[in-house]
Amino acid sequence: MTVTVFTKPHCPQCEATKRQFTKLGVPFETVDLTENPSTLEQLQAAGFQQAPVVITPDNSWTGYRPDLIREVAKQAAATTPVAA
């Protein structure tokens, strides 16, 4: 499962989102929107107007959403193979 968190510097909601994913053991990629202006333009054109923007295989949202982060963690746990 690929989870991408689009962030910007000095963003408390971005940091909270990354902390929660880390706490729940969900791997994620981080993209700094200040270093990727074309990506920022694409996200804004798609209607995303605040950071962080979180994109998962099944969902996308903006802001710190612990409820949705927990859902992603449950999905990730369900798809992770158990070592024998």
N, C-alpha and C. Protein backbone atom coordinates (compact mmCIF):
# COMPACT_ATOMS: atom_id res chain seq x y z
N MET A 1 0.86 -1.18 0.00
CA MET A 1 0.00 0.00 0.00
C MET A 1 0.90 1.24 0.00
N THR A 2 0.68 2.12 -0.94
CA THR A 2 1.44 3.36 -1.01
C THR A 2 0.63 4.50 -0.43
N VAL A 3 1.21 5.18 0.55
CA VAL A 3 0.60 6.35 1.15
C VAL A 3 1.57 7.51 0.93
N THR A 4 1.05 8.61 0.39
CA THR A 4 1.87 9.78 0.16
C THR A 4 1.28 10.95 0.94
N VAL A 5 2.15 11.64 1.69
CA VAL A 5 1.76 12.81 2.46
C VAL A 5 2.46 14.02 1.84
N PHE A 6 1.68 14.90 1.26
CA PHE A 6 2.20 16.14 0.66
C PHE A 6 2.18 17.20 1.75
N THR A 7 3.35 17.76 2.05
CA THR A 7 3.49 18.65 3.20
C THR A 7 4.09 19.99 2.79
N LYS A 8 4.17 20.87 3.77
CA LYS A 8 4.90 22.12 3.63
C LYS A 8 5.58 22.42 4.95
N PRO A 9 6.62 23.25 4.95
CA PRO A 9 7.32 23.55 6.20
C PRO A 9 6.42 24.29 7.20
N HIS A 10 6.74 24.13 8.47
CA HIS A 10 6.06 24.85 9.56
C HIS A 10 4.55 24.58 9.55
N CYS A 11 4.18 23.32 9.34
CA CYS A 11 2.77 22.93 9.22
C CYS A 11 2.44 21.94 10.35
N PRO A 12 1.81 22.41 11.43
CA PRO A 12 1.50 21.51 12.55
C PRO A 12 0.63 20.32 12.14
N GLN A 13 -0.34 20.53 11.25
CA GLN A 13 -1.19 19.42 10.83
C GLN A 13 -0.39 18.39 10.03
N CYS A 14 0.59 18.87 9.26
CA CYS A 14 1.45 17.95 8.51
C CYS A 14 2.25 17.08 9.47
N GLU A 15 2.84 17.71 10.47
CA GLU A 15 3.65 16.97 11.45
C GLU A 15 2.79 15.98 12.23
N ALA A 16 1.59 16.39 12.62
CA ALA A 16 0.70 15.49 13.36
C ALA A 16 0.31 14.29 12.50
N THR A 17 0.07 14.52 11.23
CA THR A 17 -0.29 13.42 10.31
C THR A 17 0.86 12.44 10.20
N LYS A 18 2.07 12.94 9.99
CA LYS A 18 3.23 12.06 9.86
C LYS A 18 3.49 11.29 11.16
N ARG A 19 3.36 11.97 12.30
CA ARG A 19 3.55 11.30 13.59
C ARG A 19 2.55 10.16 13.77
N GLN A 20 1.29 10.40 13.41
CA GLN A 20 0.25 9.37 13.60
C GLN A 20 0.50 8.17 12.69
N PHE A 21 0.87 8.42 11.43
CA PHE A 21 1.19 7.29 10.54
C PHE A 21 2.36 6.49 11.10
N THR A 22 3.39 7.19 11.59
CA THR A 22 4.55 6.51 12.15
C THR A 22 4.16 5.72 13.38
N LYS A 23 3.37 6.31 14.27
CA LYS A 23 2.93 5.64 15.51
C LYS A 23 2.17 4.36 15.20
N LEU A 24 1.35 4.40 14.14
CA LEU A 24 0.53 3.24 13.79
C LEU A 24 1.26 2.26 12.87
N GLY A 25 2.51 2.56 12.55
CA GLY A 25 3.32 1.64 11.75
C GLY A 25 2.98 1.62 10.28
N VAL A 26 2.41 2.70 9.78
CA VAL A 26 2.06 2.77 8.35
C VAL A 26 3.19 3.48 7.60
N PRO A 27 3.85 2.77 6.68
CA PRO A 27 4.90 3.44 5.91
C PRO A 27 4.29 4.47 4.96
N PHE A 28 5.00 5.57 4.76
CA PHE A 28 4.50 6.61 3.87
C PHE A 28 5.66 7.35 3.23
N GLU A 29 5.37 7.97 2.12
CA GLU A 29 6.33 8.83 1.44
C GLU A 29 5.92 10.26 1.72
N THR A 30 6.90 11.15 1.82
CA THR A 30 6.63 12.56 2.05
C THR A 30 7.11 13.37 0.86
N VAL A 31 6.27 14.29 0.40
CA VAL A 31 6.64 15.22 -0.67
C VAL A 31 6.47 16.63 -0.14
N ASP A 32 7.56 17.40 -0.14
CA ASP A 32 7.52 18.80 0.29
C ASP A 32 7.04 19.64 -0.89
N LEU A 33 5.88 20.24 -0.73
CA LEU A 33 5.28 20.98 -1.84
C LEU A 33 6.06 22.25 -2.19
N THR A 34 6.85 22.78 -1.25
CA THR A 34 7.65 23.97 -1.58
C THR A 34 8.79 23.61 -2.53
N GLU A 35 9.16 22.34 -2.57
CA GLU A 35 10.21 21.88 -3.48
C GLU A 35 9.65 21.30 -4.76
N ASN A 36 8.32 21.23 -4.86
CA ASN A 36 7.66 20.63 -6.02
C ASN A 36 6.49 21.51 -6.46
N PRO A 37 6.77 22.70 -7.01
CA PRO A 37 5.68 23.62 -7.34
C PRO A 37 4.70 23.08 -8.38
N SER A 38 5.15 22.25 -9.29
CA SER A 38 4.22 21.70 -10.28
C SER A 38 3.23 20.74 -9.61
N THR A 39 3.71 19.98 -8.61
CA THR A 39 2.82 19.09 -7.87
C THR A 39 1.80 19.90 -7.08
N LEU A 40 2.26 21.00 -6.47
CA LEU A 40 1.35 21.88 -5.75
C LEU A 40 0.25 22.39 -6.68
N GLU A 41 0.63 22.81 -7.88
CA GLU A 41 -0.37 23.29 -8.85
C GLU A 41 -1.36 22.20 -9.22
N GLN A 42 -0.88 20.97 -9.39
CA GLN A 42 -1.77 19.86 -9.74
C GLN A 42 -2.76 19.57 -8.61
N LEU A 43 -2.26 19.59 -7.38
CA LEU A 43 -3.14 19.33 -6.23
C LEU A 43 -4.18 20.43 -6.09
N GLN A 44 -3.76 21.68 -6.27
CA GLN A 44 -4.70 22.80 -6.19
C GLN A 44 -5.75 22.70 -7.30
N ALA A 45 -5.33 22.32 -8.49
CA ALA A 45 -6.27 22.16 -9.61
C ALA A 45 -7.27 21.04 -9.33
N ALA A 46 -6.86 20.05 -8.53
CA ALA A 46 -7.75 18.94 -8.18
C ALA A 46 -8.66 19.30 -7.01
N GLY A 47 -8.51 20.52 -6.46
CA GLY A 47 -9.40 20.98 -5.41
C GLY A 47 -8.84 20.93 -4.00
N PHE A 48 -7.61 20.47 -3.85
CA PHE A 48 -6.99 20.43 -2.52
C PHE A 48 -6.46 21.81 -2.18
N GLN A 49 -6.91 22.39 -1.06
CA GLN A 49 -6.56 23.76 -0.73
C GLN A 49 -5.79 23.94 0.57
N GLN A 50 -5.48 22.84 1.28
CA GLN A 50 -4.71 22.97 2.51
C GLN A 50 -3.80 21.77 2.66
N ALA A 51 -2.76 21.94 3.47
CA ALA A 51 -1.83 20.85 3.74
C ALA A 51 -2.14 20.28 5.11
N PRO A 52 -1.81 19.03 5.32
CA PRO A 52 -1.26 18.11 4.33
C PRO A 52 -2.34 17.57 3.41
N VAL A 53 -1.89 17.09 2.25
CA VAL A 53 -2.76 16.32 1.37
C VAL A 53 -2.27 14.88 1.48
N VAL A 54 -3.18 13.98 1.80
CA VAL A 54 -2.83 12.57 1.93
C VAL A 54 -3.52 11.81 0.80
N ILE A 55 -2.72 11.02 0.09
CA ILE A 55 -3.25 10.19 -1.00
C ILE A 55 -2.94 8.74 -0.68
N THR A 56 -3.97 7.90 -0.67
CA THR A 56 -3.82 6.46 -0.47
C THR A 56 -4.43 5.78 -1.69
N PRO A 57 -4.27 4.46 -1.82
CA PRO A 57 -4.89 3.79 -2.97
C PRO A 57 -6.41 3.96 -3.04
N ASP A 58 -7.06 4.11 -1.87
CA ASP A 58 -8.52 4.14 -1.83
C ASP A 58 -9.14 5.46 -1.42
N ASN A 59 -8.31 6.46 -1.06
CA ASN A 59 -8.88 7.67 -0.49
C ASN A 59 -7.89 8.82 -0.64
N SER A 60 -8.39 10.03 -0.42
CA SER A 60 -7.53 11.21 -0.36
C SER A 60 -8.25 12.25 0.49
N TRP A 61 -7.45 13.06 1.19
CA TRP A 61 -8.02 14.10 2.05
C TRP A 61 -6.99 15.16 2.35
N THR A 62 -7.47 16.25 2.96
CA THR A 62 -6.57 17.30 3.42
C THR A 62 -6.73 17.46 4.93
N GLY A 63 -5.68 18.00 5.54
CA GLY A 63 -5.72 18.27 6.97
C GLY A 63 -5.39 17.04 7.79
N TYR A 64 -5.34 17.23 9.10
CA TYR A 64 -5.07 16.15 10.03
C TYR A 64 -6.37 15.42 10.32
N ARG A 65 -6.45 14.17 9.87
CA ARG A 65 -7.66 13.36 10.02
C ARG A 65 -7.33 12.04 10.70
N PRO A 66 -7.25 12.04 12.04
CA PRO A 66 -6.89 10.80 12.74
C PRO A 66 -7.85 9.65 12.46
N ASP A 67 -9.12 9.96 12.20
CA ASP A 67 -10.09 8.90 11.89
C ASP A 67 -9.72 8.19 10.59
N LEU A 68 -9.34 8.96 9.57
CA LEU A 68 -8.97 8.36 8.29
C LEU A 68 -7.61 7.68 8.36
N ILE A 69 -6.70 8.24 9.17
CA ILE A 69 -5.39 7.61 9.35
C ILE A 69 -5.57 6.23 9.99
N ARG A 70 -6.45 6.13 10.98
CA ARG A 70 -6.72 4.83 11.61
C ARG A 70 -7.29 3.84 10.60
N GLU A 71 -8.17 4.32 9.71
CA GLU A 71 -8.72 3.43 8.68
C GLU A 71 -7.62 2.90 7.77
N VAL A 72 -6.71 3.77 7.37
CA VAL A 72 -5.59 3.34 6.52
C VAL A 72 -4.74 2.31 7.27
N ALA A 73 -4.50 2.55 8.56
CA ALA A 73 -3.71 1.61 9.36
C ALA A 73 -4.39 0.24 9.41
N LYS A 74 -5.72 0.22 9.57
CA LYS A 74 -6.46 -1.05 9.59
C LYS A 74 -6.32 -1.76 8.25
N GLN A 75 -6.44 -1.01 7.16
CA GLN A 75 -6.30 -1.61 5.82
C GLN A 75 -4.89 -2.14 5.62
N ALA A 76 -3.89 -1.39 6.06
CA ALA A 76 -2.51 -1.83 5.90
C ALA A 76 -2.26 -3.10 6.70
N ALA A 77 -2.80 -3.16 7.91
CA ALA A 77 -2.62 -4.35 8.75
C ALA A 77 -3.30 -5.57 8.12
N ALA A 78 -4.44 -5.35 7.48
CA ALA A 78 -5.18 -6.45 6.87
C ALA A 78 -4.48 -6.99 5.62
N THR A 79 -3.67 -6.16 4.96
CA THR A 79 -3.02 -6.59 3.73
C THR A 79 -1.57 -7.00 3.95
N THR A 80 -1.05 -6.84 5.17
CA THR A 80 0.32 -7.22 5.47
C THR A 80 0.37 -8.71 5.76
N PRO A 81 1.19 -9.44 4.99
CA PRO A 81 1.28 -10.88 5.26
C PRO A 81 1.94 -11.15 6.61
N VAL A 82 1.44 -12.18 7.27
CA VAL A 82 1.97 -12.57 8.57
C VAL A 82 3.12 -13.54 8.35
N ALA A 83 4.25 -13.28 8.99
CA ALA A 83 5.40 -14.19 8.85
C ALA A 83 5.10 -15.52 9.52
N ALA A 84 5.53 -16.58 8.86
CA ALA A 84 5.28 -17.93 9.41
C ALA A 84 6.39 -18.37 10.32
